[in-house]
């Protein structure tokens, strides 16, 4: 009750941050598109507006004590409609959603020793937008720092699972600082609580089959304990990447995104069908330890936002069928160039 009473006196900013902290991956920010040009998107964030899906409203914590924050329907907003779910009605001009990903590219030689470029993807959930289509890491934004959101999402969603030099299973991510380990630990707990299926679930056999196809040395039923032990023992390694600032096939889509006078440059695709500005950092994987070998036709990448662990690593130009709109667009641009 003490926290309950205290929150009544919070500022709008404190109320928003409290709601976001207590409802991680349930509530997200709403942004306003101020200007758009061929090479620039100018945004503002709405300080007193958050969004969620209606079926999550009853699961939100401390909503009743933060009544200065307007909650709108995420599903309706994706279709350019504004539907107030909770608290104050207000005029919202040009609302738009943001989605961040890292597109990690992998170079490999084919049988003719030509270097080809690939990307790693996995299946989305059954219930997600673009259900059962292939995707890379993705997340909706919840801060005013677009790059911080992107880096955190990448750590949360997509570690590799393989053996360390002592032949103990370990995870590999882009950073294993204490802060990143905490982020990854919370994400794994979230996955085990909400995405890891029990044998009585009707989708269990599908999830088990796909996981063991990609990780034939691990039984799906052992994954719970395995991940818990890895986090407890801090068996988390790092791998190296380099940012790609110019990518000849999509240079026209490398655009500036500004939010309250802070600017970044990303690959940007405005998915107007879903009212979402999709911005992506392009990276190339450059190094793993010699004994850590997670890349193959079935790369050992976990996707901690989905029940389906079914990674593939197609060539870029072959990634258009059954892929989410942004990756489909990315791949089709490359196909046009290659033709």
Protein backbone atom coordinates (compact mmCIF):
# COMPACT_ATOMS: atom_id res chain seq x y z
CA UNK A 1 0.00 0.00 0.00
CA UNK A 2 2.91 2.38 0.60
CA UNK A 3 3.97 2.24 -3.06
CA UNK A 4 0.33 2.53 -4.04
CA UNK A 5 -0.07 5.76 -2.06
CA UNK A 6 3.29 7.22 -3.05
CA UNK A 7 2.58 7.00 -6.77
CA UNK A 8 -0.39 9.39 -6.47
CA UNK A 9 2.05 12.29 -6.08
CA UNK A 10 4.35 11.33 -8.94
CA UNK A 11 4.97 13.62 -11.90
CA UNK A 12 3.89 12.52 -15.38
CA UNK A 13 7.47 11.41 -16.12
CA UNK A 14 7.67 9.40 -12.88
CA UNK A 15 4.30 7.79 -13.56
CA UNK A 16 5.35 6.83 -17.08
CA UNK A 17 8.66 5.37 -15.95
CA UNK A 18 6.99 3.47 -13.12
CA UNK A 19 4.47 1.92 -15.49
CA UNK A 20 7.17 0.96 -18.00
CA UNK A 21 9.37 -0.57 -15.31
CA UNK A 22 6.56 -2.62 -13.78
CA UNK A 23 5.13 -3.71 -17.14
CA UNK A 24 8.19 -4.55 -19.20
CA UNK A 25 7.32 -5.76 -22.73
CA UNK A 26 3.65 -4.98 -22.18
CA UNK A 27 3.63 -1.18 -22.52
CA UNK A 28 5.37 0.92 -25.17
CA UNK A 29 5.79 4.57 -26.11
CA UNK A 30 3.80 6.38 -28.78
CA UNK A 31 5.60 8.88 -31.00
CA UNK A 32 4.44 11.73 -33.22
CA UNK A 33 5.74 12.11 -36.77
CA UNK A 34 6.54 15.82 -37.18
CA UNK A 35 8.26 15.83 -40.58
CA UNK A 36 9.16 13.28 -43.23
CA UNK A 37 11.39 13.71 -46.27
CA UNK A 38 13.31 11.45 -48.63
CA UNK A 39 16.20 11.08 -46.19
CA UNK A 40 14.88 12.17 -42.81
CA UNK A 41 12.19 11.36 -40.23
CA UNK A 42 11.64 13.91 -37.46
CA UNK A 43 9.84 12.61 -34.38
CA UNK A 44 8.66 13.64 -30.95
CA UNK A 45 7.57 11.30 -28.20
CA UNK A 46 4.27 11.75 -26.38
CA UNK A 47 5.20 12.12 -22.73
CA UNK A 48 1.82 11.10 -21.30
CA UNK A 49 0.75 8.37 -23.75
CA UNK A 50 1.63 4.67 -23.73
CA UNK A 51 0.20 1.77 -25.73
CA UNK A 52 -0.58 -1.92 -25.21
CA UNK A 53 -2.79 -4.61 -26.66
CA UNK A 54 -6.30 -4.67 -25.11
CA UNK A 55 -5.92 -8.26 -23.86
CA UNK A 56 -3.01 -7.11 -21.69
CA UNK A 57 -4.86 -4.26 -19.99
CA UNK A 58 -5.98 -6.35 -17.02
CA UNK A 59 -2.41 -7.58 -16.52
CA UNK A 60 -0.93 -4.10 -16.14
CA UNK A 61 0.42 -3.29 -12.68
CA UNK A 62 -0.31 -0.01 -10.85
CA UNK A 63 -2.33 1.38 -13.72
CA UNK A 64 -5.04 2.80 -11.47
CA UNK A 65 -2.54 4.92 -9.53
CA UNK A 66 -0.97 6.57 -12.57
CA UNK A 67 -3.99 8.23 -14.09
CA UNK A 68 -2.10 11.04 -15.83
CA UNK A 69 -0.96 8.51 -18.42
CA UNK A 70 -3.29 7.76 -21.32
CA UNK A 71 -3.22 4.14 -22.54
CA UNK A 72 -4.22 3.56 -26.17
CA UNK A 73 -4.98 0.36 -28.08
CA UNK A 74 -1.84 -0.85 -29.90
CA UNK A 75 -3.83 -3.00 -32.32
CA UNK A 76 -6.00 -0.06 -33.35
CA UNK A 77 -2.98 2.25 -33.61
CA UNK A 78 -1.32 -0.18 -36.02
CA UNK A 79 -4.34 0.46 -38.28
CA UNK A 80 -4.13 4.26 -37.89
CA UNK A 81 -6.97 4.47 -35.37
CA UNK A 82 -6.90 5.93 -31.86
CA UNK A 83 -8.82 4.02 -29.18
CA UNK A 84 -8.42 5.05 -25.55
CA UNK A 85 -8.21 2.07 -23.20
CA UNK A 86 -7.59 3.89 -19.94
CA UNK A 87 -7.71 7.34 -18.36
CA UNK A 88 -7.73 10.67 -20.11
CA UNK A 89 -9.17 11.26 -23.56
CA UNK A 90 -6.91 13.56 -25.52
CA UNK A 91 -6.11 14.72 -29.02
CA UNK A 92 -3.12 12.83 -30.45
CA UNK A 93 -1.66 14.23 -33.67
CA UNK A 94 0.13 12.01 -36.20
CA UNK A 95 0.77 9.11 -33.81
CA UNK A 96 3.20 6.47 -35.02
CA UNK A 97 4.87 3.39 -33.57
CA UNK A 98 8.59 2.64 -33.70
CA UNK A 99 10.21 -0.76 -34.06
CA UNK A 100 13.93 -1.42 -33.75
CA UNK A 101 16.06 -4.33 -34.90
CA UNK A 102 19.63 -5.22 -35.67
CA UNK A 103 20.07 -6.90 -39.04
CA UNK A 104 23.22 -8.99 -38.63
CA UNK A 105 24.83 -10.08 -41.87
CA UNK A 106 27.15 -13.05 -42.32
CA UNK A 107 29.67 -13.43 -45.13
CA UNK A 108 30.35 -16.94 -46.42
CA UNK A 109 31.96 -18.49 -49.50
CA UNK A 110 29.95 -20.77 -51.76
CA UNK A 111 31.28 -23.79 -53.65
CA UNK A 112 32.82 -21.47 -56.25
CA UNK A 113 34.57 -19.50 -53.51
CA UNK A 114 32.41 -16.47 -54.17
CA UNK A 115 31.57 -14.42 -51.09
CA UNK A 116 27.82 -14.36 -50.46
CA UNK A 117 25.95 -12.41 -47.81
CA UNK A 118 23.46 -14.11 -45.49
CA UNK A 119 21.22 -13.11 -42.59
CA UNK A 120 19.93 -15.09 -39.62
CA UNK A 121 16.20 -15.33 -38.99
CA UNK A 122 13.68 -17.34 -37.03
CA UNK A 123 9.91 -17.93 -36.87
CA UNK A 124 7.59 -15.57 -35.07
CA UNK A 125 4.93 -16.76 -32.62
CA UNK A 126 1.52 -18.02 -33.72
CA UNK A 127 -0.27 -15.07 -32.11
CA UNK A 128 2.11 -12.28 -33.22
CA UNK A 129 1.57 -9.81 -36.02
CA UNK A 130 2.90 -11.52 -39.18
CA UNK A 131 2.46 -14.84 -37.37
CA UNK A 132 4.80 -17.68 -38.31
CA UNK A 133 6.65 -15.49 -40.77
CA UNK A 134 10.40 -15.30 -40.55
CA UNK A 135 12.04 -12.39 -38.76
CA UNK A 136 15.25 -11.09 -37.24
CA UNK A 137 15.41 -9.57 -33.74
CA UNK A 138 12.73 -6.96 -33.17
CA UNK A 139 11.18 -4.84 -30.48
CA UNK A 140 8.96 -1.85 -29.89
CA UNK A 141 10.46 1.25 -28.36
CA UNK A 142 10.06 2.34 -24.75
CA UNK A 143 12.60 5.18 -24.26
CA UNK A 144 13.74 8.42 -25.87
CA UNK A 145 17.09 6.88 -26.88
CA UNK A 146 16.58 4.97 -30.13
CA UNK A 147 20.03 3.41 -30.09
CA UNK A 148 19.78 2.29 -26.46
CA UNK A 149 16.45 0.63 -27.21
CA UNK A 150 17.98 -1.16 -30.16
CA UNK A 151 21.06 -2.42 -28.29
CA UNK A 152 19.02 -3.59 -25.31
CA UNK A 153 16.57 -5.43 -27.56
CA UNK A 154 19.41 -7.17 -29.35
CA UNK A 155 20.91 -8.40 -26.07
CA UNK A 156 17.49 -9.49 -24.81
CA UNK A 157 16.37 -11.45 -27.82
CA UNK A 158 19.13 -13.17 -29.72
CA UNK A 159 22.07 -14.83 -27.97
CA UNK A 160 23.87 -17.76 -29.58
CA UNK A 161 23.97 -21.09 -27.74
CA UNK A 162 27.07 -23.26 -28.19
CA UNK A 163 30.02 -24.72 -26.23
CA UNK A 164 32.76 -22.77 -24.49
CA UNK A 165 36.42 -23.90 -24.38
CA UNK A 166 35.63 -26.22 -21.44
CA UNK A 167 32.86 -27.89 -23.46
CA UNK A 168 30.14 -26.47 -21.26
CA UNK A 169 27.17 -24.98 -23.04
CA UNK A 170 27.31 -21.18 -22.97
CA UNK A 171 25.65 -18.15 -24.53
CA UNK A 172 27.35 -15.57 -26.74
CA UNK A 173 26.12 -11.99 -27.10
CA UNK A 174 27.53 -8.64 -28.17
CA UNK A 175 28.34 -7.58 -24.60
CA UNK A 176 28.71 -9.41 -21.27
CA UNK A 177 29.01 -6.50 -18.85
CA UNK A 178 27.15 -6.81 -15.55
CA UNK A 179 24.37 -4.61 -16.90
CA UNK A 180 24.02 -6.73 -20.03
CA UNK A 181 24.05 -9.96 -18.01
CA UNK A 182 21.20 -8.59 -15.92
CA UNK A 183 19.25 -7.71 -19.09
CA UNK A 184 19.88 -11.15 -20.56
CA UNK A 185 18.99 -12.92 -17.31
CA UNK A 186 15.63 -11.13 -17.11
CA UNK A 187 14.94 -11.94 -20.74
CA UNK A 188 15.68 -15.65 -20.21
CA UNK A 189 13.39 -15.73 -17.17
CA UNK A 190 10.69 -14.05 -19.26
CA UNK A 191 11.18 -16.65 -22.01
CA UNK A 192 11.00 -19.57 -19.59
CA UNK A 193 7.89 -18.21 -17.88
CA UNK A 194 5.92 -17.22 -21.00
CA UNK A 195 7.39 -18.86 -24.09
CA UNK A 196 8.85 -22.20 -23.00
CA UNK A 197 6.09 -24.75 -23.57
CA UNK A 198 5.13 -27.61 -21.31
CA UNK A 199 4.25 -31.02 -22.70
CA UNK A 200 0.53 -30.50 -22.15
CA UNK A 201 0.46 -27.49 -24.49
CA UNK A 202 -1.04 -28.25 -27.91
CA UNK A 203 1.93 -26.52 -29.62
CA UNK A 204 4.55 -28.41 -27.60
CA UNK A 205 5.44 -30.99 -30.26
CA UNK A 206 5.87 -28.30 -32.92
CA UNK A 207 8.16 -26.25 -30.66
CA UNK A 208 10.12 -29.33 -29.56
CA UNK A 209 10.64 -30.56 -33.12
CA UNK A 210 11.91 -27.20 -34.36
CA UNK A 211 14.21 -26.68 -31.38
CA UNK A 212 15.81 -30.12 -31.61
CA UNK A 213 16.23 -29.70 -35.37
CA UNK A 214 18.42 -26.67 -34.69
CA UNK A 215 19.98 -27.98 -31.47
CA UNK A 216 20.15 -31.77 -32.00
CA UNK A 217 22.52 -32.18 -29.06
CA UNK A 218 19.96 -30.77 -26.56
CA UNK A 219 16.59 -32.14 -25.52
CA UNK A 220 13.90 -29.47 -25.43
CA UNK A 221 12.83 -30.69 -22.00
CA UNK A 222 16.34 -29.89 -20.67
CA UNK A 223 16.36 -26.31 -21.91
CA UNK A 224 14.86 -24.82 -18.73
CA UNK A 225 17.60 -26.09 -16.42
CA UNK A 226 20.31 -25.49 -18.99
CA UNK A 227 19.50 -21.78 -19.39
CA UNK A 228 19.09 -21.29 -15.64
CA UNK A 229 22.51 -22.84 -15.02
CA UNK A 230 24.19 -20.73 -17.71
CA UNK A 231 22.92 -17.50 -16.18
CA UNK A 232 23.71 -18.62 -12.62
CA UNK A 233 27.29 -19.52 -13.61
CA UNK A 234 27.64 -16.46 -15.91
CA UNK A 235 28.73 -18.59 -18.86
CA UNK A 236 28.22 -15.74 -21.33
CA UNK A 237 30.80 -14.94 -24.01
CA UNK A 238 30.99 -12.15 -26.57
CA UNK A 239 31.34 -12.07 -30.32
CA UNK A 240 32.39 -9.15 -32.53
CA UNK A 241 30.54 -7.17 -35.18
CA UNK A 242 31.11 -4.00 -37.15
CA UNK A 243 28.49 -1.44 -38.08
CA UNK A 244 27.73 -0.99 -41.76
CA UNK A 245 27.17 2.69 -42.51
CA UNK A 246 26.94 2.30 -46.27
CA UNK A 247 25.43 -0.73 -47.96
CA UNK A 248 25.34 -0.32 -51.73
CA UNK A 249 22.06 -2.15 -52.30
CA UNK A 250 20.02 -0.06 -49.85
CA UNK A 251 21.87 3.26 -49.66
CA UNK A 252 18.67 5.11 -50.59
CA UNK A 253 17.06 3.66 -47.47
CA UNK A 254 19.82 4.74 -45.07
CA UNK A 255 18.06 7.71 -43.46
CA UNK A 256 18.37 10.05 -40.52
CA UNK A 257 15.93 9.66 -37.66
CA UNK A 258 15.74 12.53 -35.17
CA UNK A 259 13.98 12.61 -31.83
CA UNK A 260 14.00 15.86 -29.85
CA UNK A 261 17.07 17.11 -31.79
CA UNK A 262 19.11 13.92 -31.36
CA UNK A 263 19.90 12.28 -34.70
CA UNK A 264 20.85 8.76 -35.73
CA UNK A 265 21.25 7.10 -39.13
CA UNK A 266 19.73 3.70 -39.89
CA UNK A 267 18.21 1.58 -42.60
CA UNK A 268 14.58 2.73 -42.39
CA UNK A 269 11.41 1.20 -43.77
CA UNK A 270 8.08 2.88 -43.04
CA UNK A 271 5.59 0.00 -42.79
CA UNK A 272 2.53 2.14 -43.47
CA UNK A 273 0.18 -0.84 -43.43
CA UNK A 274 1.02 -1.17 -39.73
CA UNK A 275 1.74 2.51 -38.93
CA UNK A 276 5.25 1.61 -37.80
CA UNK A 277 8.59 3.18 -38.63
CA UNK A 278 10.98 0.24 -38.71
CA UNK A 279 14.58 1.31 -38.18
CA UNK A 280 17.47 -1.11 -38.37
CA UNK A 281 21.15 -0.98 -37.54
CA UNK A 282 23.11 -3.00 -40.11
CA UNK A 283 26.01 -5.04 -38.78
CA UNK A 284 28.37 -7.70 -40.06
CA UNK A 285 29.49 -10.50 -37.76
CA UNK A 286 33.30 -10.47 -37.80
CA UNK A 287 34.57 -12.84 -35.11
CA UNK A 288 33.80 -15.72 -32.78
CA UNK A 289 36.33 -17.62 -30.71
CA UNK A 290 37.73 -20.50 -32.79
CA UNK A 291 36.11 -23.08 -30.55
CA UNK A 292 32.73 -21.32 -30.55
CA UNK A 293 31.11 -22.29 -33.85
CA UNK A 294 27.46 -21.32 -33.92
CA UNK A 295 27.07 -20.47 -37.62
CA UNK A 296 25.90 -23.13 -40.06
CA UNK A 297 22.87 -23.85 -42.21
CA UNK A 298 21.01 -24.07 -38.90
CA UNK A 299 22.66 -21.46 -36.69
CA UNK A 300 22.39 -21.95 -32.94
CA UNK A 301 20.74 -18.62 -32.20
CA UNK A 302 18.01 -18.43 -29.61
CA UNK A 303 15.12 -16.08 -30.22
CA UNK A 304 13.83 -15.30 -26.74
CA UNK A 305 10.66 -13.47 -27.84
CA UNK A 306 9.17 -16.49 -29.59
CA UNK A 307 8.01 -19.98 -28.72
CA UNK A 308 9.59 -21.14 -31.99
CA UNK A 309 13.34 -21.76 -32.09
CA UNK A 310 13.87 -22.39 -35.78
CA UNK A 311 16.81 -20.36 -37.09
CA UNK A 312 17.88 -20.27 -40.71
CA UNK A 313 20.58 -18.31 -42.53
CA UNK A 314 19.50 -17.71 -46.16
CA UNK A 315 21.25 -15.57 -48.69
CA UNK A 316 19.90 -12.04 -48.62
CA UNK A 317 18.40 -12.31 -52.08
CA UNK A 318 16.43 -15.41 -51.01
CA UNK A 319 14.88 -13.88 -47.90
CA UNK A 320 11.69 -12.46 -49.40
CA UNK A 321 9.27 -15.39 -49.15
CA UNK A 322 7.53 -15.80 -45.80
CA UNK A 323 9.47 -12.92 -44.23
CA UNK A 324 8.10 -9.95 -42.31
CA UNK A 325 7.58 -6.81 -44.46
CA UNK A 326 10.86 -5.07 -43.60
CA UNK A 327 13.07 -8.07 -44.43
CA UNK A 328 10.99 -8.78 -47.52
CA UNK A 329 11.57 -5.20 -48.70
CA UNK A 330 15.28 -5.41 -47.82
CA UNK A 331 15.65 -8.64 -49.81
CA UNK A 332 13.64 -7.40 -52.80
CA UNK A 333 15.82 -4.31 -53.09
CA UNK A 334 18.84 -6.58 -53.35
CA UNK A 335 17.12 -8.77 -55.93
CA UNK A 336 16.35 -5.73 -58.07
CA UNK A 337 19.99 -4.65 -57.89
CA UNK A 338 21.31 -8.10 -58.74
CA UNK A 339 18.98 -8.34 -61.75
